[in-house]
Amino acid sequence: MHGRQKADERDDAMAAFVEGKLDVLVSTTVIEVGVDVPNASVMVVMDADRFGISQLHQLRGRIGRGGHAGLCLLLAPIRDNDDAVTRLTELAATDDGFALAELDLMLRREGDVLGANQSGRGTLKLLRALSDADVIRAAKVLAGEVLDDERSTSDPLLADLMTKAEELAAGEWMEKS
């Protein structure tokens, strides 16, 4: 199965697999989300080093949903790619999606948290989402307190500062559609 197939061809292949007419289904990552075949028990992911942690975790979650234990084999060439080795080792060590998401964030960085780039250096100039989480939480609480304070609606200086902050944020970080 693959994403360029006609929908009815994909549906027929899935139906045959679910009904047990097919013992093996070879597919691209089109099966990553929304596929629930209780008897699917083995998955082999070729070139697993090319996938992100979240995607591999999603793929692995497609098997072992029924009465049979699941076995997910992650095949990757041995290279000196520390990130790939770390991702695959950690994925093999846990099925805790939150821990894997944290590792993914640590390895790939937070990207553009208010834009389109999903990894790399983003709009956060002085903070890192993981290491500065306490500062970010405290700032959120403080911002909420300011907004909840009745003076925030009646104080023209504060209202002006809020408007300028919103305009600055929208101009630098928000994408216009």
C-alpha atoms as a PDB file:
ATOM      1  CA  MET A   1       0.000   0.000   0.000  1.00  0.00           C
ATOM      2  CA  HIS A   2       1.112   3.523  -0.670  1.00  0.00           C
ATOM      3  CA  GLY A   3      -0.291   7.025  -0.691  1.00  0.00           C
ATOM      4  CA  ARG A   4      -0.404   7.353  -4.482  1.00  0.00           C
ATOM      5  CA  GLN A   5      -2.737   4.391  -4.855  1.00  0.00           C
ATOM      6  CA  LYS A   6      -6.363   5.037  -5.531  1.00  0.00           C
ATOM      7  CA  ALA A   7      -8.356   5.075  -2.288  1.00  0.00           C
ATOM      8  CA  ASP A   8     -10.452   2.066  -3.299  1.00  0.00           C
ATOM      9  CA  GLU A   9      -7.289   0.025  -4.031  1.00  0.00           C
ATOM     10  CA  ARG A  10      -5.911   0.885  -0.591  1.00  0.00           C
ATOM     11  CA  ASP A  11      -9.248   0.045   1.020  1.00  0.00           C
ATOM     12  CA  ASP A  12      -9.335  -3.324  -0.801  1.00  0.00           C
ATOM     13  CA  ALA A  13      -5.790  -4.166   0.315  1.00  0.00           C
ATOM     14  CA  MET A  14      -6.584  -3.243   3.931  1.00  0.00           C
ATOM     15  CA  ALA A  15      -9.832  -5.226   3.874  1.00  0.00           C
ATOM     16  CA  ALA A  16      -7.998  -8.290   2.547  1.00  0.00           C
ATOM     17  CA  PHE A  17      -5.375  -7.931   5.284  1.00  0.00           C
ATOM     18  CA  VAL A  18      -7.989  -7.490   8.028  1.00  0.00           C
ATOM     19  CA  GLU A  19      -9.947 -10.513   6.782  1.00  0.00           C
ATOM     20  CA  GLY A  20      -6.814 -12.677   6.759  1.00  0.00           C
ATOM     21  CA  LYS A  21      -6.793 -13.085   2.967  1.00  0.00           C
ATOM     22  CA  LEU A  22      -3.332 -11.499   3.007  1.00  0.00           C
ATOM     23  CA  ASP A  23      -0.726 -12.683   5.501  1.00  0.00           C
ATOM     24  CA  VAL A  24       1.696  -9.843   4.748  1.00  0.00           C
ATOM     25  CA  LEU A  25       1.044  -6.221   3.942  1.00  0.00           C
ATOM     26  CA  VAL A  26       3.894  -4.173   2.495  1.00  0.00           C
ATOM     27  CA  SER A  27       3.221  -0.490   2.922  1.00  0.00           C
ATOM     28  CA  THR A  28       4.638   2.982   3.126  1.00  0.00           C
ATOM     29  CA  THR A  29       3.913   5.079   6.206  1.00  0.00           C
ATOM     30  CA  VAL A  30       0.368   5.563   4.914  1.00  0.00           C
ATOM     31  CA  ILE A  31      -0.529   3.060   7.649  1.00  0.00           C
ATOM     32  CA  GLU A  32       0.947   5.233  10.396  1.00  0.00           C
ATOM     33  CA  VAL A  33      -2.329   6.506  11.844  1.00  0.00           C
ATOM     34  CA  GLY A  34      -5.846   5.141  12.020  1.00  0.00           C
ATOM     35  CA  VAL A  35      -5.169   1.516  11.130  1.00  0.00           C
ATOM     36  CA  ASP A  36      -6.464  -0.984  13.663  1.00  0.00           C
ATOM     37  CA  VAL A  37      -5.857  -4.614  12.744  1.00  0.00           C
ATOM     38  CA  PRO A  38      -5.918  -6.636  15.975  1.00  0.00           C
ATOM     39  CA  ASN A  39      -4.165  -9.657  14.445  1.00  0.00           C
ATOM     40  CA  ALA A  40      -1.254  -7.625  13.068  1.00  0.00           C
ATOM     41  CA  SER A  41       1.643  -8.750  15.203  1.00  0.00           C
ATOM     42  CA  VAL A  42       4.906  -8.143  13.336  1.00  0.00           C
ATOM     43  CA  MET A  43       6.225  -5.007  11.679  1.00  0.00           C
ATOM     44  CA  VAL A  44       9.533  -4.450   9.931  1.00  0.00           C
ATOM     45  CA  VAL A  45      10.581  -0.835   9.383  1.00  0.00           C
ATOM     46  CA  MET A  46      13.240  -0.491   6.719  1.00  0.00           C
ATOM     47  CA  ASP A  47      15.702   2.407   7.029  1.00  0.00           C
ATOM     48  CA  ALA A  48      14.367   3.197  10.490  1.00  0.00           C
ATOM     49  CA  ASP A  49      17.206   5.698  10.974  1.00  0.00           C
ATOM     50  CA  ARG A  50      15.422   8.006   8.514  1.00  0.00           C
ATOM     51  CA  PHE A  51      12.310   8.333  10.671  1.00  0.00           C
ATOM     52  CA  GLY A  52      11.671  10.518  13.666  1.00  0.00           C
ATOM     53  CA  ILE A  53      10.893   9.137  17.092  1.00  0.00           C
ATOM     54  CA  SER A  54       7.226  10.111  17.007  1.00  0.00           C
ATOM     55  CA  GLN A  55       6.663   8.517  13.619  1.00  0.00           C
ATOM     56  CA  LEU A  56       8.367   5.280  14.665  1.00  0.00           C
ATOM     57  CA  HIS A  57       6.346   5.237  17.884  1.00  0.00           C
ATOM     58  CA  GLN A  58       3.129   5.678  15.846  1.00  0.00           C
ATOM     59  CA  LEU A  59       4.117   2.902  13.445  1.00  0.00           C
ATOM     60  CA  ARG A  60       5.013   0.543  16.269  1.00  0.00           C
ATOM     61  CA  GLY A  61       1.614   1.231  17.815  1.00  0.00           C
ATOM     62  CA  ARG A  62      -0.126  -0.387  14.822  1.00  0.00           C
ATOM     63  CA  ILE A  63       0.828  -3.901  15.951  1.00  0.00           C
ATOM     64  CA  GLY A  64       0.173  -6.079  18.986  1.00  0.00           C
ATOM     65  CA  ARG A  65      -3.340  -4.731  19.514  1.00  0.00           C
ATOM     66  CA  GLY A  66      -5.063  -8.102  19.649  1.00  0.00           C
ATOM     67  CA  GLY A  67      -4.373 -11.341  21.441  1.00  0.00           C
ATOM     68  CA  HIS A  68      -0.865 -11.693  20.037  1.00  0.00           C
ATOM     69  CA  ALA A  69       2.225  -9.881  21.268  1.00  0.00           C
ATOM     70  CA  GLY A  70       3.717  -7.360  18.867  1.00  0.00           C
ATOM     71  CA  LEU A  71       7.235  -7.457  17.460  1.00  0.00           C
ATOM     72  CA  CYS A  72       8.603  -4.369  15.728  1.00  0.00           C
ATOM     73  CA  LEU A  73      11.952  -4.731  13.974  1.00  0.00           C
ATOM     74  CA  LEU A  74      13.711  -1.455  13.237  1.00  0.00           C
ATOM     75  CA  LEU A  75      16.282  -2.037  10.512  1.00  0.00           C
ATOM     76  CA  ALA A  76      18.944   0.569   9.881  1.00  0.00           C
ATOM     77  CA  PRO A  77      22.459   0.600   8.454  1.00  0.00           C
ATOM     78  CA  ILE A  78      25.224   1.098  10.987  1.00  0.00           C
ATOM     79  CA  ARG A  79      26.591   4.610  10.599  1.00  0.00           C
ATOM     80  CA  ASP A  80      28.266   7.187  12.761  1.00  0.00           C
ATOM     81  CA  ASN A  81      24.979   9.057  13.143  1.00  0.00           C
ATOM     82  CA  ASP A  82      24.699   9.574  16.894  1.00  0.00           C
ATOM     83  CA  ASP A  83      21.163  11.014  16.695  1.00  0.00           C
ATOM     84  CA  ALA A  84      19.831   8.000  14.792  1.00  0.00           C
ATOM     85  CA  VAL A  85      21.461   5.541  17.191  1.00  0.00           C
ATOM     86  CA  THR A  86      20.112   7.496  20.182  1.00  0.00           C
ATOM     87  CA  ARG A  87      16.594   7.663  18.695  1.00  0.00           C
ATOM     88  CA  LEU A  88      16.450   3.957  17.887  1.00  0.00           C
ATOM     89  CA  THR A  89      18.006   2.869  21.189  1.00  0.00           C
ATOM     90  CA  GLU A  90      15.601   4.992  23.239  1.00  0.00           C
ATOM     91  CA  LEU A  91      12.630   3.883  21.167  1.00  0.00           C
ATOM     92  CA  ALA A  92      13.562   0.251  21.772  1.00  0.00           C
ATOM     93  CA  ALA A  93      13.942   0.924  25.502  1.00  0.00           C
ATOM     94  CA  THR A  94      10.522   2.472  26.198  1.00  0.00           C
ATOM     95  CA  ASP A  95       6.965   2.723  24.992  1.00  0.00           C
ATOM     96  CA  ASP A  96       6.357   5.897  27.023  1.00  0.00           C
ATOM     97  CA  GLY A  97       5.233   8.393  24.393  1.00  0.00           C
ATOM     98  CA  PHE A  98       5.856  11.386  26.668  1.00  0.00           C
ATOM     99  CA  ALA A  99       9.462  10.362  27.347  1.00  0.00           C
ATOM    100  CA  LEU A 100       9.989   9.825  23.618  1.00  0.00           C
ATOM    101  CA  ALA A 101       8.470  13.212  22.785  1.00  0.00           C
ATOM    102  CA  GLU A 102      10.837  14.856  25.275  1.00  0.00           C
ATOM    103  CA  LEU A 103      13.827  13.119  23.724  1.00  0.00           C
ATOM    104  CA  ASP A 104      12.654  14.162  20.249  1.00  0.00           C
ATOM    105  CA  LEU A 105      12.365  17.754  21.457  1.00  0.00           C
ATOM    106  CA  MET A 106      15.835  17.602  22.988  1.00  0.00           C
ATOM    107  CA  LEU A 107      17.419  16.191  19.814  1.00  0.00           C
ATOM    108  CA  ARG A 108      15.566  18.202  17.168  1.00  0.00           C
ATOM    109  CA  ARG A 109      14.925  21.372  19.215  1.00  0.00           C
ATOM    110  CA  GLU A 110      11.608  23.126  19.345  1.00  0.00           C
ATOM    111  CA  GLY A 111      11.580  24.605  15.857  1.00  0.00           C
ATOM    112  CA  ASP A 112       9.404  27.607  15.172  1.00  0.00           C
ATOM    113  CA  VAL A 113       6.801  27.175  17.926  1.00  0.00           C
ATOM    114  CA  LEU A 114       4.439  29.648  16.286  1.00  0.00           C
ATOM    115  CA  GLY A 115       5.335  28.991  12.649  1.00  0.00           C
ATOM    116  CA  ALA A 116       5.925  26.255  10.116  1.00  0.00           C
ATOM    117  CA  ASN A 117       9.428  24.895  10.835  1.00  0.00           C
ATOM    118  CA  GLN A 118       9.108  21.771  12.943  1.00  0.00           C
ATOM    119  CA  SER A 119      12.709  21.406  14.007  1.00  0.00           C
ATOM    120  CA  GLY A 120      15.925  23.350  14.401  1.00  0.00           C
ATOM    121  CA  ARG A 121      16.470  26.838  15.705  1.00  0.00           C
ATOM    122  CA  GLY A 122      13.202  28.688  15.862  1.00  0.00           C
ATOM    123  CA  THR A 123      11.681  31.832  17.261  1.00  0.00           C
ATOM    124  CA  LEU A 124      12.763  31.222  20.848  1.00  0.00           C
ATOM    125  CA  LYS A 125      15.892  33.346  21.031  1.00  0.00           C
ATOM    126  CA  LEU A 126      16.878  33.117  24.693  1.00  0.00           C
ATOM    127  CA  LEU A 127      15.030  30.009  25.874  1.00  0.00           C
ATOM    128  CA  ARG A 128      14.943  26.294  25.184  1.00  0.00           C
ATOM    129  CA  ALA A 129      11.560  24.651  25.650  1.00  0.00           C
ATOM    130  CA  LEU A 130      12.931  21.770  27.758  1.00  0.00           C
ATOM    131  CA  SER A 131      15.695  23.291  29.848  1.00  0.00           C
ATOM    132  CA  ASP A 132      13.761  26.499  30.527  1.00  0.00           C
ATOM    133  CA  ALA A 133      10.348  24.906  31.096  1.00  0.00           C
ATOM    134  CA  ASP A 134      10.128  26.291  34.646  1.00  0.00           C
ATOM    135  CA  VAL A 135      10.773  29.853  33.448  1.00  0.00           C
ATOM    136  CA  ILE A 136       8.188  29.449  30.657  1.00  0.00           C
ATOM    137  CA  ARG A 137       5.586  28.100  33.118  1.00  0.00           C
ATOM    138  CA  ALA A 138       6.261  30.944  35.574  1.00  0.00           C
ATOM    139  CA  ALA A 139       5.926  33.516  32.767  1.00  0.00           C
ATOM    140  CA  LYS A 140       2.619  31.957  31.726  1.00  0.00           C
ATOM    141  CA  VAL A 141       1.296  32.152  35.293  1.00  0.00           C
ATOM    142  CA  LEU A 142       2.449  35.754  35.637  1.00  0.00           C
ATOM    143  CA  ALA A 143       0.901  36.718  32.286  1.00  0.00           C
ATOM    144  CA  GLY A 144      -2.376  35.113  33.388  1.00  0.00           C
ATOM    145  CA  GLU A 145      -2.323  37.080  36.623  1.00  0.00           C
ATOM    146  CA  VAL A 146      -1.785  40.325  34.720  1.00  0.00           C
ATOM    147  CA  LEU A 147      -4.631  39.545  32.325  1.00  0.00           C
ATOM    148  CA  ASP A 148      -6.966  38.520  35.161  1.00  0.00           C
ATOM    149  CA  ASP A 149      -6.257  41.689  37.140  1.00  0.00           C
ATOM    150  CA  GLU A 150      -9.175  44.098  36.787  1.00  0.00           C
ATOM    151  CA  ARG A 151      -6.718  46.949  36.326  1.00  0.00           C
ATOM    152  CA  SER A 152      -5.545  45.441  33.025  1.00  0.00           C
ATOM    153  CA  THR A 153      -8.733  46.576  31.285  1.00  0.00           C
ATOM    154  CA  SER A 154      -8.888  50.008  32.890  1.00  0.00           C
ATOM    155  CA  ASP A 155      -5.228  51.030  32.825  1.00  0.00           C
ATOM    156  CA  PRO A 156      -4.556  52.751  29.473  1.00  0.00           C
ATOM    157  CA  LEU A 157      -0.782  52.312  29.764  1.00  0.00           C
ATOM    158  CA  LEU A 158      -1.092  48.563  30.359  1.00  0.00           C
ATOM    159  CA  ALA A 159      -3.673  48.244  27.566  1.00  0.00           C
ATOM    160  CA  ASP A 160      -1.295  50.080  25.209  1.00  0.00           C
ATOM    161  CA  LEU A 161       1.605  47.812  26.210  1.00  0.00           C
ATOM    162  CA  MET A 162      -0.568  44.724  25.644  1.00  0.00           C
ATOM    163  CA  THR A 163      -1.589  45.955  22.177  1.00  0.00           C
ATOM    164  CA  LYS A 164       2.037  46.680  21.236  1.00  0.00           C
ATOM    165  CA  ALA A 165       3.151  43.239  22.484  1.00  0.00           C
ATOM    166  CA  GLU A 166       0.414  41.522  20.448  1.00  0.00           C
ATOM    167  CA  GLU A 167       1.358  43.503  17.328  1.00  0.00           C
ATOM    168  CA  LEU A 168       5.049  42.712  17.793  1.00  0.00           C
ATOM    169  CA  ALA A 169       4.338  39.020  18.298  1.00  0.00           C
ATOM    170  CA  ALA A 170       2.034  38.873  15.282  1.00  0.00           C
ATOM    171  CA  GLY A 171       4.547  40.703  13.118  1.00  0.00           C
ATOM    172  CA  GLU A 172       7.531  38.551  13.989  1.00  0.00           C
ATOM    173  CA  TRP A 173       6.134  35.092  14.670  1.00  0.00           C
ATOM    174  CA  MET A 174       2.647  34.638  13.327  1.00  0.00           C
ATOM    175  CA  GLU A 175       2.131  33.576   9.769  1.00  0.00           C
ATOM    176  CA  LYS A 176      -0.434  35.497   7.823  1.00  0.00           C
ATOM    177  CA  SER A 177      -2.906  33.399   5.876  1.00  0.00           C
END
